[in-house]
Amino acid sequence: MPLVAGVDSSTSACKVEIRDADTGEVVASGRAAHPATTPPRSEQDPAAWAAAFDAAWAEAGADGSNRPAAIAIAGQQHGMVVSDADGTPLRAAKLWNDTESAPDADALVAELGAAAWAAACGSVPVPSFTITKLRWLRRNEPDVFARVARVQLPHDWLTARLTGRSTTDRGDVSGTGWWSPAEERYRLDLLGLVDPDTDWLPMLPAVLGPTQAAGEWHGIVVAPGTGDNMAAALGLGLRPGDLAISLGTSGTAFAVRAEPGNDATGIVAGFADANGRHLPLVCTLNATKVTDAVARLLGVDAATLDQLAARVPCGADGVTLVPHLDGERTPNLPDATGTLVGMRSDISREQFARAAFDGVVCNLLAGADHLGPCDGRVFLVGGGARSATYRQTVADLTGTNVIVPRDQELVARGAAVQAAAALLGTSIDEVMDAWALDAVHVEADTTIDRNGVREAFAAAAAHARR
């Protein structure tokens, strides 16, 4: 029974899972926290990632009876690690949720134009993208910028720590803003907008194929690794036509496509996936933080809020919450606030609770509509997937039975899928088929006027923007 390790190096922690390469069954796991961050400046020392990996690896017993034959590391997307020629970081890594580069994102888009950016790299840069952080570095820390010999993403740096080679994969590198999913190559001209005099190519990692080994670590095969969203898609076994909805503090919706995306509006990020296809993705800033806020206002816990909302049908009897509490990314309304529409003097706690769940889901589905047709399976993941009301609301407003995996460590699972494919010399699709996904199935209530609910939300959102 060969074993493989899947690693999820997220913003909050490093998780290591040891799985059976043939069945995907979890044999052991370990976890260690990362330092907390406080946006708008959100930075972590890569040495803290290394320490957390070592601790989680030891907790999983990976150097003993649970020693794997292969490993893959999935990491938080977009983070910027700049190092010297020996791979030693020159400063703390700027993370995806660091927004100090907002002026740089605006300047880059203004210089080239949104349509040209979308055509060049599949996405229109926003402050989370690595290229905006690199421009911020040149503008604010020129002495550090002058010493940069390597530019890597978090998963690249961790993988290089094992192999001694600077490598990446097409999925994670597609979120930098300087790699083209359509052309499958670096766009050095885009990096030229950061600094035209730098010789960029020697600084960049080699881009590996989906199951191409990055190297070895003490006899363990090291797979290429990928970004966290790409690994989650592998963990779900996502196929073309499927839709994945993730409800955490923020929300994401993504799908697998055979062809690259190109959305000049900036709503859809045209990422590549970790399996030779593409992974268009939309992101909203306001998801479970909204229902958390409403629970606090009503003086109840999350379970009680679920119960209150369940007493009122989807649509909340005409009460609509536009949940742009802390500004919004999709739609792009950075200065927006929340709006409650349809409130009457007899509004109930139950209606307010239901409106919060409806608003979060409607807002994310409005973004997901830009992904194109999704006529396959619908998956619900993230912390919000634990809520019975969120589960039912997603089913009702998509009009589709929803699959909720019992195993929510999908990033680590997806990394392990990649490691198994690299070890066994098989395709990722074959591993995904062999690893059964244990899940709860939630049936949609077909009596719900889902189009009416979503149209009411769209009208309320339009009113709020006026």
Protein backbone atom coordinates (compact mmCIF):
# COMPACT_ATOMS: atom_id res chain seq x y z
CA MET A 1 0.00 0.00 0.00
CA PRO A 2 1.99 3.06 -1.18
CA LEU A 3 1.30 6.28 0.74
CA VAL A 4 1.27 9.86 -0.53
CA ALA A 5 1.28 13.20 1.27
CA GLY A 6 -0.88 16.19 0.38
CA VAL A 7 0.02 19.53 1.93
CA ASP A 8 -2.23 22.59 2.29
CA SER A 9 -0.12 25.62 3.21
CA SER A 10 -2.90 28.17 3.69
CA THR A 11 -2.98 31.65 5.15
CA SER A 12 -3.86 30.32 8.59
CA ALA A 13 -2.05 26.96 8.87
CA CYS A 14 -0.15 24.10 7.29
CA LYS A 15 -2.03 20.81 7.05
CA VAL A 16 -0.36 17.54 6.06
CA GLU A 17 -2.45 14.51 5.13
CA ILE A 18 -1.05 11.03 4.50
CA ARG A 19 -3.31 9.00 2.22
CA ASP A 20 -3.40 5.59 0.58
CA ALA A 21 -2.33 6.23 -3.02
CA ASP A 22 -4.78 3.67 -4.41
CA THR A 23 -7.97 4.54 -2.48
CA GLY A 24 -7.40 8.02 -1.08
CA GLU A 25 -8.16 6.86 2.46
CA VAL A 26 -6.64 9.13 5.13
CA VAL A 27 -4.01 7.31 7.17
CA ALA A 28 -2.71 10.19 9.30
CA SER A 29 -2.66 13.97 9.46
CA GLY A 30 -0.95 16.88 11.17
CA ARG A 31 -1.55 20.60 11.50
CA ALA A 32 0.42 23.64 12.66
CA ALA A 33 -0.65 27.28 12.69
CA HIS A 34 0.80 30.15 10.69
CA PRO A 35 1.15 33.65 12.17
CA ALA A 36 -2.02 35.74 12.01
CA THR A 37 -2.11 38.60 9.52
CA THR A 38 -3.87 41.95 9.63
CA PRO A 39 -4.74 43.42 6.21
CA PRO A 40 -4.30 45.85 4.53
CA ARG A 41 -0.67 44.89 5.19
CA SER A 42 -0.73 41.08 5.23
CA GLU A 43 2.72 39.49 5.36
CA GLN A 44 4.28 36.29 6.67
CA ASP A 45 7.88 35.15 6.96
CA PRO A 46 8.36 32.08 4.74
CA ALA A 47 10.46 30.61 7.56
CA ALA A 48 7.20 30.34 9.53
CA TRP A 49 5.73 28.22 6.72
CA ALA A 50 8.76 25.95 6.85
CA ALA A 51 8.48 25.57 10.63
CA ALA A 52 4.76 24.81 10.39
CA PHE A 53 5.38 22.24 7.65
CA ASP A 54 8.03 20.51 9.77
CA ALA A 55 5.71 20.41 12.78
CA ALA A 56 2.72 19.11 10.81
CA TRP A 57 4.93 16.56 9.05
CA ALA A 58 6.14 15.25 12.39
CA GLU A 59 2.61 15.14 13.85
CA ALA A 60 1.49 13.02 10.89
CA GLY A 61 4.30 10.56 11.56
CA ALA A 62 5.56 11.06 8.02
CA ASP A 63 9.15 10.26 8.97
CA GLY A 64 8.11 7.01 10.63
CA SER A 65 5.55 4.33 9.86
CA ASN A 66 3.51 6.78 7.74
CA ARG A 67 6.38 7.75 5.46
CA PRO A 68 4.97 8.59 2.00
CA ALA A 69 6.49 7.72 -1.36
CA ALA A 70 5.39 11.02 -2.93
CA ILE A 71 4.36 14.51 -1.84
CA ALA A 72 2.71 17.56 -3.38
CA ILE A 73 2.36 21.00 -1.81
CA ALA A 74 -0.61 23.28 -2.48
CA GLY A 75 -0.27 26.87 -1.29
CA GLN A 76 -2.20 30.09 -0.96
CA GLN A 77 -2.35 31.79 -4.35
CA HIS A 78 -0.76 35.07 -5.39
CA GLY A 79 1.71 35.56 -2.51
CA MET A 80 5.07 37.12 -3.43
CA VAL A 81 8.32 35.56 -2.20
CA VAL A 82 11.46 37.40 -3.34
CA SER A 83 14.79 35.72 -2.62
CA ASP A 84 18.49 35.99 -3.27
CA ALA A 85 20.37 33.54 -5.50
CA ASP A 86 20.52 30.97 -2.68
CA GLY A 87 16.76 31.04 -2.19
CA THR A 88 16.88 33.00 1.06
CA PRO A 89 13.91 35.41 1.27
CA LEU A 90 14.90 39.07 1.24
CA ARG A 91 11.78 40.16 3.14
CA ALA A 92 8.47 38.83 4.42
CA ALA A 93 6.12 37.46 1.77
CA LYS A 94 3.23 39.65 0.75
CA LEU A 95 0.04 37.55 0.76
CA TRP A 96 -3.03 37.47 -1.46
CA ASN A 97 -5.05 39.62 0.97
CA ASP A 98 -2.43 42.36 1.23
CA THR A 99 -4.02 45.36 -0.49
CA GLU A 100 -1.16 47.88 -0.25
CA SER A 101 -0.57 47.43 -3.97
CA ALA A 102 -4.01 48.81 -4.94
CA PRO A 103 -2.46 51.93 -6.56
CA ASP A 104 -0.08 49.68 -8.48
CA ALA A 105 -2.95 47.55 -9.76
CA ASP A 106 -4.74 50.68 -10.96
CA ALA A 107 -1.59 51.97 -12.65
CA LEU A 108 -0.89 48.69 -14.43
CA VAL A 109 -4.45 48.43 -15.75
CA ALA A 110 -4.40 52.06 -16.85
CA GLU A 111 -1.11 51.57 -18.71
CA LEU A 112 -2.20 48.56 -20.77
CA GLY A 113 -5.99 48.58 -20.60
CA ALA A 114 -8.30 45.95 -19.11
CA ALA A 115 -9.03 44.21 -22.41
CA ALA A 116 -5.34 43.88 -23.25
CA TRP A 117 -4.58 42.44 -19.81
CA ALA A 118 -7.37 39.87 -20.14
CA ALA A 119 -6.09 38.85 -23.57
CA ALA A 120 -2.49 38.63 -22.35
CA CYS A 121 -2.85 36.68 -19.09
CA GLY A 122 -6.52 35.76 -18.79
CA SER A 123 -7.23 38.23 -15.97
CA VAL A 124 -7.33 41.92 -15.16
CA PRO A 125 -4.93 42.64 -12.27
CA VAL A 126 -6.34 43.45 -8.84
CA PRO A 127 -4.30 44.04 -5.66
CA SER A 128 -4.21 40.33 -4.84
CA PHE A 129 -2.22 39.51 -8.01
CA THR A 130 1.52 39.02 -7.62
CA ILE A 131 2.51 41.43 -10.38
CA THR A 132 0.96 44.34 -8.47
CA LYS A 133 2.97 43.41 -5.36
CA LEU A 134 6.17 43.26 -7.40
CA ARG A 135 5.51 46.75 -8.70
CA TRP A 136 4.81 47.88 -5.12
CA LEU A 137 8.21 46.46 -4.10
CA ARG A 138 10.05 48.35 -6.84
CA ARG A 139 8.27 51.58 -5.88
CA ASN A 140 8.58 51.31 -2.10
CA GLU A 141 11.68 49.19 -1.43
CA PRO A 142 14.07 49.78 -4.35
CA ASP A 143 17.07 48.48 -2.39
CA VAL A 144 15.35 45.11 -1.85
CA PHE A 145 14.12 45.05 -5.44
CA ALA A 146 17.67 45.52 -6.71
CA ARG A 147 18.81 42.37 -4.86
CA VAL A 148 16.04 40.04 -6.11
CA ALA A 149 17.33 36.91 -7.86
CA ARG A 150 14.20 34.73 -7.59
CA VAL A 151 10.48 35.52 -7.66
CA GLN A 152 8.28 32.70 -6.40
CA LEU A 153 4.82 31.89 -5.10
CA PRO A 154 4.37 30.35 -1.63
CA HIS A 155 4.01 26.79 -2.94
CA ASP A 156 7.01 27.31 -5.24
CA TRP A 157 9.21 28.34 -2.32
CA LEU A 158 8.14 25.41 -0.15
CA THR A 159 8.66 22.93 -2.99
CA ALA A 160 12.11 24.38 -3.73
CA ARG A 161 12.99 23.95 -0.06
CA LEU A 162 12.56 20.20 -0.59
CA THR A 163 14.06 19.78 -4.06
CA GLY A 164 16.60 22.56 -4.36
CA ARG A 165 15.02 23.52 -7.72
CA SER A 166 12.88 26.57 -8.47
CA THR A 167 9.71 25.20 -10.08
CA THR A 168 6.02 26.00 -10.30
CA ASP A 169 2.92 24.68 -12.10
CA ARG A 170 0.57 26.18 -14.66
CA GLY A 171 -2.32 26.51 -12.19
CA ASP A 172 -0.63 28.62 -9.54
CA VAL A 173 1.52 30.63 -11.95
CA SER A 174 -1.62 31.67 -13.86
CA GLY A 175 -2.49 33.91 -10.90
CA THR A 176 0.69 35.98 -11.07
CA GLY A 177 -0.30 38.32 -13.90
CA TRP A 178 2.73 37.40 -16.03
CA TRP A 179 1.89 33.94 -17.43
CA SER A 180 -0.55 33.28 -20.25
CA PRO A 181 -2.94 30.31 -19.89
CA ALA A 182 -3.87 30.69 -23.56
CA GLU A 183 -0.27 30.62 -24.80
CA GLU A 184 1.17 28.44 -21.98
CA ARG A 185 4.16 30.74 -21.55
CA TYR A 186 5.60 33.60 -19.55
CA ARG A 187 4.72 37.08 -20.77
CA LEU A 188 7.92 38.94 -20.03
CA ASP A 189 6.46 42.04 -21.67
CA LEU A 190 4.00 42.28 -18.77
CA LEU A 191 6.84 42.14 -16.28
CA GLY A 192 8.44 44.86 -18.36
CA LEU A 193 5.66 47.13 -17.10
CA VAL A 194 7.07 46.62 -13.60
CA ASP A 195 10.65 47.31 -14.70
CA PRO A 196 11.80 47.34 -18.34
CA ASP A 197 15.49 47.01 -17.46
CA THR A 198 15.34 43.80 -15.43
CA ASP A 199 16.29 40.46 -17.01
CA TRP A 200 13.23 38.63 -15.69
CA LEU A 201 13.46 35.12 -17.15
CA PRO A 202 16.34 33.84 -14.95
CA MET A 203 14.34 34.87 -11.87
CA LEU A 204 11.28 32.78 -12.72
CA PRO A 205 10.60 29.12 -11.85
CA ALA A 206 10.38 26.40 -14.48
CA VAL A 207 6.71 25.62 -15.22
CA LEU A 208 6.05 21.87 -14.84
CA GLY A 209 3.29 19.73 -16.31
CA PRO A 210 0.45 18.39 -14.12
CA THR A 211 2.26 15.20 -13.02
CA GLN A 212 5.86 16.06 -13.85
CA ALA A 213 8.13 15.53 -10.85
CA ALA A 214 9.83 18.59 -9.42
CA GLY A 215 12.54 16.39 -7.93
CA GLU A 216 13.12 14.17 -4.90
CA TRP A 217 13.41 14.76 -1.17
CA HIS A 218 15.14 12.01 0.82
CA GLY A 219 13.90 9.48 -1.72
CA ILE A 220 10.35 10.87 -1.80
CA VAL A 221 8.98 11.94 -5.21
CA VAL A 222 8.04 15.62 -5.12
CA ALA A 223 5.17 16.47 -7.47
CA PRO A 224 4.85 19.99 -8.93
CA GLY A 225 2.25 21.23 -6.42
CA THR A 226 -0.24 23.99 -7.25
CA GLY A 227 -2.42 26.80 -5.88
CA ASP A 228 -5.09 26.18 -3.27
CA ASN A 229 -8.10 26.69 -5.56
CA MET A 230 -6.60 24.40 -8.19
CA ALA A 231 -5.94 21.72 -5.57
CA ALA A 232 -9.50 22.01 -4.25
CA ALA A 233 -10.76 21.30 -7.79
CA LEU A 234 -8.67 18.12 -7.85
CA GLY A 235 -9.93 17.17 -4.40
CA LEU A 236 -13.52 17.46 -5.59
CA GLY A 237 -12.85 15.58 -8.81
CA LEU A 238 -14.24 18.59 -10.68
CA ARG A 239 -15.03 17.97 -14.35
CA PRO A 240 -16.03 20.29 -17.21
CA GLY A 241 -19.60 21.48 -16.61
CA ASP A 242 -19.40 21.18 -12.81
CA LEU A 243 -19.67 24.20 -10.52
CA ALA A 244 -17.93 24.54 -7.15
CA ILE A 245 -19.17 27.09 -4.63
CA SER A 246 -17.05 27.85 -1.60
CA LEU A 247 -18.49 29.80 1.32
CA GLY A 248 -15.92 31.03 3.81
CA THR A 249 -15.39 34.54 5.15
CA SER A 250 -15.32 35.41 1.46
CA GLY A 251 -16.92 33.39 -1.33
CA THR A 252 -15.65 31.82 -4.53
CA ALA A 253 -17.22 30.03 -7.43
CA PHE A 254 -15.19 28.17 -10.02
CA ALA A 255 -15.60 25.72 -12.87
CA VAL A 256 -13.41 23.60 -15.14
CA ARG A 257 -13.25 24.55 -18.80
CA ALA A 258 -11.41 23.10 -21.79
CA GLU A 259 -10.70 26.55 -23.23
CA PRO A 260 -8.93 29.53 -21.60
CA GLY A 261 -10.99 32.46 -20.34
CA ASN A 262 -10.68 36.13 -21.28
CA ASP A 263 -12.98 38.49 -19.34
CA ALA A 264 -12.16 42.15 -19.90
CA THR A 265 -14.64 43.18 -17.19
CA GLY A 266 -12.36 41.66 -14.57
CA ILE A 267 -15.23 39.74 -12.96
CA VAL A 268 -13.78 36.34 -13.91
CA ALA A 269 -10.16 35.45 -13.24
CA GLY A 270 -9.06 33.26 -16.15
CA PHE A 271 -6.82 30.83 -14.27
CA ALA A 272 -5.39 27.59 -15.58
CA ASP A 273 -6.07 24.46 -13.52
CA ALA A 274 -3.65 21.78 -12.31
CA ASN A 275 -4.86 19.17 -14.79
CA GLY A 276 -4.16 20.65 -18.21
CA ARG A 277 -7.46 22.52 -18.44
CA HIS A 278 -8.66 25.91 -17.18
CA LEU A 279 -10.30 27.16 -13.99
CA PRO A 280 -12.28 30.40 -14.39
CA LEU A 281 -13.06 31.79 -10.94
CA VAL A 282 -15.07 34.60 -9.37
CA CYS A 283 -14.62 35.88 -5.84
CA THR A 284 -16.86 37.88 -3.50
CA LEU A 285 -15.57 39.52 -0.33
CA ASN A 286 -18.75 39.03 1.71
CA ALA A 287 -19.94 35.52 2.55
CA THR A 288 -20.15 33.92 6.00
CA LYS A 289 -18.93 37.17 7.57
CA VAL A 290 -22.41 38.49 6.67
CA THR A 291 -24.35 35.82 8.54
CA ASP A 292 -21.84 36.12 11.41
CA ALA A 293 -22.65 39.84 11.61
CA VAL A 294 -26.40 39.24 11.52
CA ALA A 295 -26.10 36.59 14.24
CA ARG A 296 -24.23 39.12 16.40
CA LEU A 297 -26.88 41.79 15.80
CA LEU A 298 -29.65 39.35 16.75
CA GLY A 299 -27.70 38.12 19.76
CA VAL A 300 -27.71 34.47 18.69
CA ASP A 301 -25.15 31.83 17.75
CA ALA A 302 -24.74 30.36 14.27
CA ALA A 303 -26.93 27.33 14.97
CA THR A 304 -29.80 29.50 16.22
CA LEU A 305 -29.49 31.81 13.21
CA ASP A 306 -29.87 28.71 11.01
CA GLN A 307 -33.04 27.77 12.87
CA LEU A 308 -34.50 31.28 12.60
CA ALA A 309 -33.87 31.46 8.86
CA ALA A 310 -35.35 28.02 8.24
CA ARG A 311 -38.75 29.23 9.54
CA VAL A 312 -39.13 31.60 6.57
CA PRO A 313 -39.21 30.53 2.91
CA CYS A 314 -36.44 31.45 0.49
CA GLY A 315 -37.10 35.06 -0.53
CA ALA A 316 -37.66 36.19 3.08
CA ASP A 317 -41.21 37.42 2.34
CA GLY A 318 -39.85 40.25 0.21
CA VAL A 319 -37.01 41.37 2.49
CA THR A 320 -33.71 41.55 0.59
CA LEU A 321 -30.23 42.10 2.00
CA VAL A 322 -27.57 43.33 -0.42
CA PRO A 323 -24.57 42.01 1.53
CA HIS A 324 -21.79 44.38 0.44
CA LEU A 325 -20.90 45.05 4.08
CA ASP A 326 -17.19 45.72 3.63
CA GLY A 327 -17.12 46.82 0.01
CA GLU A 328 -17.22 44.19 -2.70
CA ARG A 329 -14.97 42.70 -5.34
CA THR A 330 -17.72 41.12 -7.46
CA PRO A 331 -19.26 43.45 -8.41
CA ASN A 332 -16.31 45.83 -8.08
CA LEU A 333 -17.63 48.23 -5.44
CA PRO A 334 -14.76 48.82 -2.99
CA ASP A 335 -16.61 51.55 -1.09
CA ALA A 336 -20.03 49.90 -0.92
CA THR A 337 -21.93 49.07 2.25
CA GLY A 338 -24.81 46.71 2.96
CA THR A 339 -28.39 47.61 2.11
CA LEU A 340 -31.65 46.17 3.46
CA VAL A 341 -34.57 46.53 1.03
CA GLY A 342 -38.24 45.74 1.64
CA MET A 343 -38.15 46.25 5.40
CA ARG A 344 -41.52 46.99 7.04
CA SER A 345 -42.49 47.79 10.61
CA ASP A 346 -43.48 44.17 11.17
CA ILE A 347 -40.12 42.73 10.04
CA SER A 348 -39.23 39.65 12.04
CA ARG A 349 -35.97 38.23 13.27
CA GLU A 350 -36.68 35.23 11.04
CA GLN A 351 -37.03 37.38 7.92
CA PHE A 352 -33.82 39.27 8.67
CA ALA A 353 -31.97 35.99 9.21
CA ARG A 354 -33.31 34.46 6.00
CA ALA A 355 -32.47 37.60 4.00
CA ALA A 356 -28.84 37.31 5.09
CA PHE A 357 -28.47 33.75 3.76
CA ASP A 358 -30.34 34.60 0.55
CA GLY A 359 -28.26 37.72 -0.03
CA VAL A 360 -24.90 35.96 0.32
CA VAL A 361 -25.90 33.18 -2.07
CA CYS A 362 -27.58 35.48 -4.60
CA ASN A 363 -24.54 37.75 -4.65
CA LEU A 364 -22.14 34.87 -5.33
CA LEU A 365 -24.42 33.27 -7.93
CA ALA A 366 -24.65 36.62 -9.75
CA GLY A 367 -20.89 36.39 -10.16
CA ALA A 368 -20.99 32.70 -11.03
CA ASP A 369 -23.35 33.48 -13.92
CA HIS A 370 -20.31 34.99 -15.68
CA LEU A 371 -18.53 31.62 -15.66
CA GLY A 372 -20.77 30.41 -18.48
CA PRO A 373 -23.05 27.37 -18.58
CA CYS A 374 -22.59 24.88 -15.72
CA ASP A 375 -24.93 21.99 -16.43
CA GLY A 376 -23.08 19.36 -14.40
CA ARG A 377 -22.79 18.76 -10.68
CA VAL A 378 -22.87 21.52 -8.05
CA PHE A 379 -20.55 21.24 -5.04
CA LEU A 380 -20.69 23.29 -1.86
CA VAL A 381 -17.55 23.56 0.27
CA GLY A 382 -16.04 25.82 2.92
CA GLY A 383 -17.13 26.70 6.44
CA GLY A 384 -20.58 27.74 5.23
CA ALA A 385 -21.18 24.19 3.99
CA ARG A 386 -21.70 23.15 7.63
CA SER A 387 -24.87 25.28 7.73
CA ALA A 388 -28.10 23.47 6.83
CA THR A 389 -29.61 26.77 5.67
CA TYR A 390 -26.71 27.62 3.38
CA ARG A 391 -26.87 24.11 1.92
CA GLN A 392 -30.58 24.34 1.20
CA THR A 393 -30.36 27.91 -0.10
CA VAL A 394 -27.65 26.99 -2.61
CA ALA A 395 -29.71 24.01 -3.78
CA ASP A 396 -32.90 26.06 -4.05
CA LEU A 397 -31.35 29.05 -5.84
CA THR A 398 -29.37 26.92 -8.32
CA GLY A 399 -32.34 24.59 -8.83
CA THR A 400 -29.88 21.69 -8.62
CA ASN A 401 -29.21 19.00 -6.06
CA VAL A 402 -26.03 20.01 -4.21
CA ILE A 403 -23.14 17.76 -3.22
CA VAL A 404 -21.54 18.61 0.14
CA PRO A 405 -18.35 16.59 0.78
CA ARG A 406 -17.99 15.23 4.31
CA ASP A 407 -14.23 15.67 3.93
CA GLN A 408 -13.67 19.43 3.77
CA GLU A 409 -9.85 19.25 3.65
CA LEU A 410 -10.09 19.42 -0.11
CA VAL A 411 -6.87 21.34 -0.77
CA ALA A 412 -4.74 18.74 1.02
CA ARG A 413 -6.77 15.99 -0.65
CA GLY A 414 -6.22 17.53 -4.10
CA ALA A 415 -2.49 17.85 -3.49
CA ALA A 416 -2.44 14.17 -2.55
CA VAL A 417 -4.30 13.33 -5.78
CA GLN A 418 -1.52 15.03 -7.72
CA ALA A 419 1.16 13.22 -5.70
CA ALA A 420 -0.51 9.86 -6.38
CA ALA A 421 -0.66 10.51 -10.12
CA ALA A 422 3.02 11.49 -10.17
CA LEU A 423 3.96 8.40 -8.16
CA LEU A 424 1.84 5.85 -10.03
CA GLY A 425 2.56 7.25 -13.50
CA THR A 426 -1.13 7.64 -14.24
CA SER A 427 -3.38 10.57 -15.10
CA ILE A 428 -4.96 12.83 -12.53
CA ASP A 429 -8.39 11.94 -13.94
CA GLU A 430 -7.77 8.27 -13.18
CA VAL A 431 -6.82 9.02 -9.59
CA MET A 432 -9.86 11.27 -9.11
CA ASP A 433 -12.09 8.46 -10.40
CA ALA A 434 -10.51 5.91 -8.07
CA TRP A 435 -10.81 8.05 -4.93
CA ALA A 436 -14.46 7.99 -3.89
CA LEU A 437 -15.78 11.28 -2.47
CA ASP A 438 -18.01 10.71 0.56
CA ALA A 439 -20.69 13.39 0.47
CA VAL A 440 -24.14 14.53 1.59
CA HIS A 441 -26.66 15.25 -1.19
CA VAL A 442 -29.12 18.10 -0.69
CA GLU A 443 -32.21 18.14 -2.89
CA ALA A 444 -33.48 21.41 -4.35
CA ASP A 445 -37.01 22.53 -3.48
CA THR A 446 -38.55 22.88 -6.92
CA THR A 447 -41.52 24.88 -5.57
CA ILE A 448 -39.23 27.84 -4.86
CA ASP A 449 -39.47 30.69 -7.37
CA ARG A 450 -35.70 30.90 -7.61
CA ASN A 451 -35.76 33.23 -10.61
CA GLY A 452 -38.05 35.58 -8.73
CA VAL A 453 -35.78 35.62 -5.68
CA ARG A 454 -32.70 36.29 -7.78
CA GLU A 455 -34.44 38.98 -9.82
CA ALA A 456 -35.54 40.72 -6.61
CA PHE A 457 -31.95 40.63 -5.40
CA ALA A 458 -30.66 42.04 -8.69
CA ALA A 459 -33.17 44.89 -8.49
CA ALA A 460 -32.22 45.65 -4.88
CA ALA A 461 -28.51 45.58 -5.73
CA ALA A 462 -29.08 47.97 -8.65
CA HIS A 463 -31.10 50.29 -6.38
CA ALA A 464 -28.31 50.24 -3.78
CA ARG A 465 -25.76 51.37 -6.37
CA ARG A 466 -27.75 54.45 -7.35
